[in-house]
Amino acid sequence: MPLVLVRTPTYRGSEPLQRAIQCLRAQSHGEWICEVRDDCPDGSARSVLEELRDPRVRYVHNQPQKFGVQNLDDCFRLENAFHADYFFMLEDDNQVRPEFGAP
């Protein structure tokens, strides 16, 4: 099964972030990993992800803060530490249909 890497930028997005991650969890293709790139100085997304307890979701706390444009740019970097076959970005205030991540 091919691995899909999803990068999700966020800033103080508890409810929208939770909804976006739930969309990933509902994917028909279950081989994915998500990097949530939190730009909030106090790391507000960490508690959202701890509640979800999904090992496929990885937390990255931007320190120092990168602000909107740099955080988005980092989501498009070529580094692929997970050796994923595919990639897409899912902003914290967006959703995807269940079959979207299927290669």
C-alpha atoms as a PDB file:
ATOM      1  CA  MET A   1       0.000   0.000   0.000  1.00  0.00           C
ATOM      2  CA  PRO A   2       1.415   3.408  -0.895  1.00  0.00           C
ATOM      3  CA  LEU A   3       1.940   5.863   1.950  1.00  0.00           C
ATOM      4  CA  VAL A   4       0.359   9.317   1.733  1.00  0.00           C
ATOM      5  CA  LEU A   5       1.923  12.221   3.631  1.00  0.00           C
ATOM      6  CA  VAL A   6      -0.452  14.997   4.664  1.00  0.00           C
ATOM      7  CA  ARG A   7       0.864  18.265   6.047  1.00  0.00           C
ATOM      8  CA  THR A   8      -1.548  20.435   8.001  1.00  0.00           C
ATOM      9  CA  PRO A   9      -0.628  23.984   9.007  1.00  0.00           C
ATOM     10  CA  THR A  10      -2.528  25.340  11.998  1.00  0.00           C
ATOM     11  CA  TYR A  11      -2.742  28.333  14.288  1.00  0.00           C
ATOM     12  CA  ARG A  12      -5.152  28.241  17.232  1.00  0.00           C
ATOM     13  CA  GLY A  13      -7.467  25.956  15.301  1.00  0.00           C
ATOM     14  CA  SER A  14      -8.979  23.538  17.781  1.00  0.00           C
ATOM     15  CA  GLU A  15     -12.402  22.770  16.260  1.00  0.00           C
ATOM     16  CA  PRO A  16     -11.367  23.190  12.612  1.00  0.00           C
ATOM     17  CA  LEU A  17      -8.220  21.121  13.210  1.00  0.00           C
ATOM     18  CA  GLN A  18     -10.188  18.366  14.875  1.00  0.00           C
ATOM     19  CA  ARG A  19     -12.629  18.290  11.929  1.00  0.00           C
ATOM     20  CA  ALA A  20      -9.764  18.154   9.402  1.00  0.00           C
ATOM     21  CA  ILE A  21      -8.096  15.254  11.229  1.00  0.00           C
ATOM     22  CA  GLN A  22     -11.434  13.413  11.462  1.00  0.00           C
ATOM     23  CA  CYS A  23     -11.667  13.697   7.659  1.00  0.00           C
ATOM     24  CA  LEU A  24      -8.289  12.007   7.400  1.00  0.00           C
ATOM     25  CA  ARG A  25      -9.336   9.276   9.780  1.00  0.00           C
ATOM     26  CA  ALA A  26     -12.381   8.598   7.569  1.00  0.00           C
ATOM     27  CA  GLN A  27     -10.236   8.058   4.462  1.00  0.00           C
ATOM     28  CA  SER A  28     -10.874   4.905   2.465  1.00  0.00           C
ATOM     29  CA  HIS A  29      -7.076   4.615   2.144  1.00  0.00           C
ATOM     30  CA  GLY A  30      -5.704   4.061   5.646  1.00  0.00           C
ATOM     31  CA  GLU A  31      -1.990   4.284   4.858  1.00  0.00           C
ATOM     32  CA  TRP A  32      -1.336   7.931   5.642  1.00  0.00           C
ATOM     33  CA  ILE A  33       0.638  10.006   8.080  1.00  0.00           C
ATOM     34  CA  CYS A  34      -0.084  13.611   8.965  1.00  0.00           C
ATOM     35  CA  GLU A  35       2.311  16.287  10.177  1.00  0.00           C
ATOM     36  CA  VAL A  36       0.409  18.981  12.016  1.00  0.00           C
ATOM     37  CA  ARG A  37       2.595  22.095  11.922  1.00  0.00           C
ATOM     38  CA  ASP A  38       1.438  24.268  14.836  1.00  0.00           C
ATOM     39  CA  ASP A  39       2.418  27.934  14.621  1.00  0.00           C
ATOM     40  CA  CYS A  40       0.717  28.938  17.872  1.00  0.00           C
ATOM     41  CA  PRO A  41       3.307  30.120  20.441  1.00  0.00           C
ATOM     42  CA  ASP A  42       1.603  28.196  23.246  1.00  0.00           C
ATOM     43  CA  GLY A  43       1.235  24.991  21.185  1.00  0.00           C
ATOM     44  CA  SER A  44      -2.554  24.920  21.318  1.00  0.00           C
ATOM     45  CA  ALA A  45      -2.892  22.095  18.747  1.00  0.00           C
ATOM     46  CA  ARG A  46      -1.057  19.611  20.966  1.00  0.00           C
ATOM     47  CA  SER A  47      -4.067  19.085  23.256  1.00  0.00           C
ATOM     48  CA  VAL A  48      -6.377  18.514  20.254  1.00  0.00           C
ATOM     49  CA  LEU A  49      -4.087  15.800  18.932  1.00  0.00           C
ATOM     50  CA  GLU A  50      -3.595  14.185  22.332  1.00  0.00           C
ATOM     51  CA  GLU A  51      -7.372  13.769  22.591  1.00  0.00           C
ATOM     52  CA  LEU A  52      -7.507  12.051  19.192  1.00  0.00           C
ATOM     53  CA  ARG A  53      -4.719   9.586  20.090  1.00  0.00           C
ATOM     54  CA  ASP A  54      -3.951   8.585  16.520  1.00  0.00           C
ATOM     55  CA  PRO A  55      -0.338   7.459  16.016  1.00  0.00           C
ATOM     56  CA  ARG A  56      -0.521   8.497  12.353  1.00  0.00           C
ATOM     57  CA  VAL A  57      -0.750  12.152  13.392  1.00  0.00           C
ATOM     58  CA  ARG A  58       2.586  13.763  14.255  1.00  0.00           C
ATOM     59  CA  TYR A  59       2.902  17.076  16.022  1.00  0.00           C
ATOM     60  CA  VAL A  60       5.442  19.731  14.977  1.00  0.00           C
ATOM     61  CA  HIS A  61       5.580  22.869  17.121  1.00  0.00           C
ATOM     62  CA  ASN A  62       7.158  25.754  15.220  1.00  0.00           C
ATOM     63  CA  GLN A  63       9.705  27.378  17.485  1.00  0.00           C
ATOM     64  CA  PRO A  64      10.300  30.149  16.811  1.00  0.00           C
ATOM     65  CA  GLN A  65       6.928  31.028  15.334  1.00  0.00           C
ATOM     66  CA  LYS A  66       7.017  31.094  11.518  1.00  0.00           C
ATOM     67  CA  PHE A  67       3.789  32.993  10.829  1.00  0.00           C
ATOM     68  CA  GLY A  68       1.355  32.214   8.029  1.00  0.00           C
ATOM     69  CA  VAL A  69       3.407  32.347   4.859  1.00  0.00           C
ATOM     70  CA  GLN A  70       6.470  30.508   6.181  1.00  0.00           C
ATOM     71  CA  ASN A  71       4.334  27.829   7.826  1.00  0.00           C
ATOM     72  CA  LEU A  72       2.546  27.239   4.521  1.00  0.00           C
ATOM     73  CA  ASP A  73       5.860  27.213   2.655  1.00  0.00           C
ATOM     74  CA  ASP A  74       7.216  24.595   5.054  1.00  0.00           C
ATOM     75  CA  CYS A  75       4.274  22.367   4.217  1.00  0.00           C
ATOM     76  CA  PHE A  76       5.523  22.246   0.628  1.00  0.00           C
ATOM     77  CA  ARG A  77       9.142  21.425   1.425  1.00  0.00           C
ATOM     78  CA  LEU A  78      10.651  18.482  -0.407  1.00  0.00           C
ATOM     79  CA  GLU A  79      11.895  16.698   2.709  1.00  0.00           C
ATOM     80  CA  ASN A  80      10.196  13.321   3.032  1.00  0.00           C
ATOM     81  CA  ALA A  81      11.313  11.744   6.305  1.00  0.00           C
ATOM     82  CA  PHE A  82       8.528   9.153   6.113  1.00  0.00           C
ATOM     83  CA  HIS A  83       9.382   8.014   2.559  1.00  0.00           C
ATOM     84  CA  ALA A  84       5.818   8.672   1.473  1.00  0.00           C
ATOM     85  CA  ASP A  85       4.741   7.910  -2.070  1.00  0.00           C
ATOM     86  CA  TYR A  86       2.259  10.791  -2.310  1.00  0.00           C
ATOM     87  CA  PHE A  87       1.700  14.117  -0.630  1.00  0.00           C
ATOM     88  CA  PHE A  88      -1.001  16.720  -0.127  1.00  0.00           C
ATOM     89  CA  MET A  89      -1.597  19.670   2.145  1.00  0.00           C
ATOM     90  CA  LEU A  90      -4.787  19.920   4.179  1.00  0.00           C
ATOM     91  CA  GLU A  91      -5.218  23.269   5.894  1.00  0.00           C
ATOM     92  CA  ASP A  92      -6.807  23.061   9.324  1.00  0.00           C
ATOM     93  CA  ASP A  93      -9.989  24.800   8.178  1.00  0.00           C
ATOM     94  CA  ASN A  94     -10.570  22.496   5.193  1.00  0.00           C
ATOM     95  CA  GLN A  95     -11.961  19.015   4.688  1.00  0.00           C
ATOM     96  CA  VAL A  96     -11.479  16.194   2.195  1.00  0.00           C
ATOM     97  CA  ARG A  97     -13.856  13.542   0.971  1.00  0.00           C
ATOM     98  CA  PRO A  98     -13.237   9.952   2.161  1.00  0.00           C
ATOM     99  CA  GLU A  99     -11.770   8.795  -1.146  1.00  0.00           C
ATOM    100  CA  PHE A 100      -9.520  11.841  -1.674  1.00  0.00           C
ATOM    101  CA  GLY A 101      -6.317  10.296  -0.295  1.00  0.00           C
ATOM    102  CA  ALA A 102      -6.557   7.094  -2.325  1.00  0.00           C
ATOM    103  CA  PRO A 103      -3.699   6.904  -4.843  1.00  0.00           C
END
